[in-house]
Amino acid sequence: TAWNVSGEITGSTNPSEVLVVGGHLDSWDPGFGAIDDGAGVAITTAAAHLIGELPRHPRRTIRVVMWGFEEGGGSGPAYLDAHKSELGKIVIAAEADSGADRAYSLLLPHGAWQMADIAPLESILAPLKIIPSRETSSGDGDIAALQTAGAPTLTFEQDLTRYFDYHHSADDTLAVVDVGQLAQNTAAWAATLYA
């Protein structure tokens, strides 16, 4: 038995519209799960915390979900089953599940570039050396079920050079997390979700 754990920052003007973001709590048996996926939980939770500390909350609700059984494929479908009534109100679904190393590109849902509030992302993310891509996000992992059901997704592409050296191994410990790169990811998520 595994559980999804969630918390949210209620939107200021459109609280019924929800951004569903998060990482997964479970890890592969031999590892500690620092990059897969403690980093994803830390990135999205810290981003939401930073947004929650701002004097003005975002327009929409930000819900951070810590999925309980990503490695077995059960938490995404379970979340969808529990939240089917919200499907038309989920404006973005995203999961941080590529470790803690530097993000370099943001993939958005199909047609997102026509939305007025997306255009400023290029200048917002430029200081972090992240380029919003014109390629379409293909949600996987815990958000795959939401995307299949029609929820738009976004994806931060990250440097995976070191990721598979540690992924699903006993070496997946906090020692391999680069704090500066983790902070860059957190800043990118916070800025993007707030925008």
Foldseek 3Di string as FASTA:
>chain_A
DWDKDKDKDAADAARLAEAEEEAEDDAFPLAPCVFQPVLQRVLLVLLRVVQVPDPHHARYMYMYIHFTPLVPPPRLVVVCVVPVVSLVRHAEYETRGQGQAAFAEKAWAPPPVVDPVVVCLQVQCVVLNHHYDNHHDQDDGSCNVSVVVPHIYMYTDGDNVCVVVPGSHHNSDPVPHDVVSSVSSSSSSNSVVRD
